[in-house]
Amino acid sequence: MPEKVRVTAAVAKVLAAFLSDPTVDRYGLDLMGDTGLPSGTLYPILVRLQRAEWVTAEWEDIDPETAGRPARRYYRLTPDGLASARTELAALYQHLSKAEGAAGKPRTA
């Protein structure tokens, strides 16, 4: 059974990065650059998203010596992950916009 995802600010950044172009496979360093998250934060989030079946991961099929770099692990949203990410981020943005609106209202006594 997939794990439930708790959408924190860091998780929201990762989901937003995936949603910027859901058709593109992403790798860790690429996601770190887009989100500003360090590897110690990003990779545990990716593991949780995999356990929730929102993301799949595959190793790149290259010869590291020929490519001159290690193989990359590419991540992609699953169809369920895409729908869930859109739903969760929309709910988060709606919640934040309500909170922002409430913060600007004067208090009545």
C-alpha atoms as a PDB file:
ATOM      1  CA  MET A   1       0.000   0.000   0.000  1.00  0.00           C
ATOM      2  CA  PRO A   2       1.430   3.402  -0.953  1.00  0.00           C
ATOM      3  CA  GLU A   3       2.453   5.781   1.803  1.00  0.00           C
ATOM      4  CA  LYS A   4       0.577   9.034   2.339  1.00  0.00           C
ATOM      5  CA  VAL A   5       2.551  12.136   1.378  1.00  0.00           C
ATOM      6  CA  ARG A   6       2.687  15.037   3.816  1.00  0.00           C
ATOM      7  CA  VAL A   7       3.142  18.105   1.629  1.00  0.00           C
ATOM      8  CA  THR A   8       5.636  20.343   3.400  1.00  0.00           C
ATOM      9  CA  ALA A   9       7.183  23.450   1.852  1.00  0.00           C
ATOM     10  CA  ALA A  10      10.141  21.345   0.669  1.00  0.00           C
ATOM     11  CA  VAL A  11       7.881  18.672  -0.845  1.00  0.00           C
ATOM     12  CA  ALA A  12       5.861  21.421  -2.548  1.00  0.00           C
ATOM     13  CA  LYS A  13       9.062  22.772  -4.136  1.00  0.00           C
ATOM     14  CA  VAL A  14       9.910  19.326  -5.509  1.00  0.00           C
ATOM     15  CA  LEU A  15       6.381  18.770  -6.824  1.00  0.00           C
ATOM     16  CA  ALA A  16       6.350  22.222  -8.429  1.00  0.00           C
ATOM     17  CA  ALA A  17       9.658  21.421 -10.151  1.00  0.00           C
ATOM     18  CA  PHE A  18       8.176  18.212 -11.576  1.00  0.00           C
ATOM     19  CA  LEU A  19       5.019  20.051 -12.647  1.00  0.00           C
ATOM     20  CA  SER A  20       6.999  22.716 -14.514  1.00  0.00           C
ATOM     21  CA  ASP A  21       7.252  20.094 -17.295  1.00  0.00           C
ATOM     22  CA  PRO A  22       5.764  16.734 -16.275  1.00  0.00           C
ATOM     23  CA  THR A  23       6.968  15.040 -19.480  1.00  0.00           C
ATOM     24  CA  VAL A  24      10.658  15.530 -18.647  1.00  0.00           C
ATOM     25  CA  ASP A  25      12.682  13.030 -16.625  1.00  0.00           C
ATOM     26  CA  ARG A  26      14.538  14.802 -13.814  1.00  0.00           C
ATOM     27  CA  TYR A  27      17.716  13.832 -11.958  1.00  0.00           C
ATOM     28  CA  GLY A  28      18.872  14.865  -8.502  1.00  0.00           C
ATOM     29  CA  LEU A  29      21.300  17.671  -9.349  1.00  0.00           C
ATOM     30  CA  ASP A  30      18.762  19.142 -11.770  1.00  0.00           C
ATOM     31  CA  LEU A  31      16.069  19.126  -9.067  1.00  0.00           C
ATOM     32  CA  MET A  32      18.493  20.573  -6.505  1.00  0.00           C
ATOM     33  CA  GLY A  33      19.132  23.500  -8.847  1.00  0.00           C
ATOM     34  CA  ASP A  34      15.425  24.135  -9.459  1.00  0.00           C
ATOM     35  CA  THR A  35      14.339  23.819  -5.833  1.00  0.00           C
ATOM     36  CA  GLY A  36      17.359  25.167  -3.956  1.00  0.00           C
ATOM     37  CA  LEU A  37      17.170  22.121  -1.688  1.00  0.00           C
ATOM     38  CA  PRO A  38      20.336  20.348  -0.545  1.00  0.00           C
ATOM     39  CA  SER A  39      20.808  16.662  -1.346  1.00  0.00           C
ATOM     40  CA  GLY A  40      20.140  15.686   2.282  1.00  0.00           C
ATOM     41  CA  THR A  41      16.642  17.128   1.956  1.00  0.00           C
ATOM     42  CA  LEU A  42      15.887  16.273  -1.670  1.00  0.00           C
ATOM     43  CA  TYR A  43      16.725  12.565  -1.766  1.00  0.00           C
ATOM     44  CA  PRO A  44      14.614  11.582   1.267  1.00  0.00           C
ATOM     45  CA  ILE A  45      11.694  13.426  -0.353  1.00  0.00           C
ATOM     46  CA  LEU A  46      12.225  11.494  -3.594  1.00  0.00           C
ATOM     47  CA  VAL A  47      12.246   8.222  -1.635  1.00  0.00           C
ATOM     48  CA  ARG A  48       8.963   9.177   0.080  1.00  0.00           C
ATOM     49  CA  LEU A  49       7.416  10.112  -3.266  1.00  0.00           C
ATOM     50  CA  GLN A  50       8.501   6.736  -4.680  1.00  0.00           C
ATOM     51  CA  ARG A  51       6.991   4.888  -1.713  1.00  0.00           C
ATOM     52  CA  ALA A  52       3.759   6.812  -2.268  1.00  0.00           C
ATOM     53  CA  GLU A  53       3.927   5.745  -5.936  1.00  0.00           C
ATOM     54  CA  TRP A  54       3.867   9.376  -7.079  1.00  0.00           C
ATOM     55  CA  VAL A  55       7.317   9.061  -8.692  1.00  0.00           C
ATOM     56  CA  THR A  56       9.195   6.322 -10.525  1.00  0.00           C
ATOM     57  CA  ALA A  57      12.967   6.134 -10.792  1.00  0.00           C
ATOM     58  CA  GLU A  58      15.259   4.504 -13.345  1.00  0.00           C
ATOM     59  CA  TRP A  59      19.001   4.458 -13.793  1.00  0.00           C
ATOM     60  CA  GLU A  60      20.270   5.973 -17.013  1.00  0.00           C
ATOM     61  CA  ASP A  61      21.559   3.348 -19.442  1.00  0.00           C
ATOM     62  CA  ILE A  62      25.036   4.702 -20.234  1.00  0.00           C
ATOM     63  CA  ASP A  63      28.632   3.613 -19.977  1.00  0.00           C
ATOM     64  CA  PRO A  64      30.078   5.944 -17.305  1.00  0.00           C
ATOM     65  CA  GLU A  65      33.554   5.777 -18.852  1.00  0.00           C
ATOM     66  CA  THR A  66      32.302   6.757 -22.293  1.00  0.00           C
ATOM     67  CA  ALA A  67      30.054   9.507 -20.893  1.00  0.00           C
ATOM     68  CA  GLY A  68      32.775  10.756 -18.566  1.00  0.00           C
ATOM     69  CA  ARG A  69      30.372  10.858 -15.619  1.00  0.00           C
ATOM     70  CA  PRO A  70      28.409   8.513 -13.402  1.00  0.00           C
ATOM     71  CA  ALA A  71      25.018   7.251 -14.551  1.00  0.00           C
ATOM     72  CA  ARG A  72      22.126   9.417 -13.411  1.00  0.00           C
ATOM     73  CA  ARG A  73      19.003   8.213 -11.674  1.00  0.00           C
ATOM     74  CA  TYR A  74      16.045   9.789 -13.462  1.00  0.00           C
ATOM     75  CA  TYR A  75      12.756  10.498 -11.714  1.00  0.00           C
ATOM     76  CA  ARG A  76       9.342  11.057 -13.279  1.00  0.00           C
ATOM     77  CA  LEU A  77       5.847  11.631 -11.932  1.00  0.00           C
ATOM     78  CA  THR A  78       3.469   8.699 -12.360  1.00  0.00           C
ATOM     79  CA  PRO A  79      -0.022   9.449 -13.715  1.00  0.00           C
ATOM     80  CA  ASP A  80      -1.376   9.207 -10.141  1.00  0.00           C
ATOM     81  CA  GLY A  81       1.516  11.338  -8.918  1.00  0.00           C
ATOM     82  CA  LEU A  82       0.777  13.983 -11.530  1.00  0.00           C
ATOM     83  CA  ALA A  83      -2.881  14.191 -10.496  1.00  0.00           C
ATOM     84  CA  SER A  84      -2.023  14.117  -6.787  1.00  0.00           C
ATOM     85  CA  ALA A  85       0.692  16.761  -7.139  1.00  0.00           C
ATOM     86  CA  ARG A  86      -1.682  19.104  -8.965  1.00  0.00           C
ATOM     87  CA  THR A  87      -4.416  18.551  -6.368  1.00  0.00           C
ATOM     88  CA  GLU A  88      -2.111  18.975  -3.367  1.00  0.00           C
ATOM     89  CA  LEU A  89      -0.402  22.100  -4.708  1.00  0.00           C
ATOM     90  CA  ALA A  90      -3.737  23.680  -5.650  1.00  0.00           C
ATOM     91  CA  ALA A  91      -5.024  23.028  -2.121  1.00  0.00           C
ATOM     92  CA  LEU A  92      -1.815  24.413  -0.606  1.00  0.00           C
ATOM     93  CA  TYR A  93      -1.930  27.569  -2.746  1.00  0.00           C
ATOM     94  CA  GLN A  94      -5.610  28.072  -1.895  1.00  0.00           C
ATOM     95  CA  HIS A  95      -4.852  27.681   1.822  1.00  0.00           C
ATOM     96  CA  LEU A  96      -1.950  30.124   1.591  1.00  0.00           C
ATOM     97  CA  SER A  97      -3.988  32.708  -0.318  1.00  0.00           C
ATOM     98  CA  LYS A  98      -6.718  32.544   2.340  1.00  0.00           C
ATOM     99  CA  ALA A  99      -4.123  32.956   5.078  1.00  0.00           C
ATOM    100  CA  GLU A 100      -2.558  35.885   3.232  1.00  0.00           C
ATOM    101  CA  GLY A 101      -5.960  37.537   2.819  1.00  0.00           C
ATOM    102  CA  ALA A 102      -6.794  37.030   6.490  1.00  0.00           C
ATOM    103  CA  ALA A 103      -3.469  38.540   7.526  1.00  0.00           C
ATOM    104  CA  GLY A 104      -4.357  41.801   5.782  1.00  0.00           C
ATOM    105  CA  LYS A 105      -7.768  42.222   7.440  1.00  0.00           C
ATOM    106  CA  PRO A 106      -8.004  44.549  10.427  1.00  0.00           C
ATOM    107  CA  ARG A 107      -9.063  43.024  13.724  1.00  0.00           C
ATOM    108  CA  THR A 108     -12.411  44.076  15.095  1.00  0.00           C
ATOM    109  CA  ALA A 109     -13.005  44.416  18.810  1.00  0.00           C
END
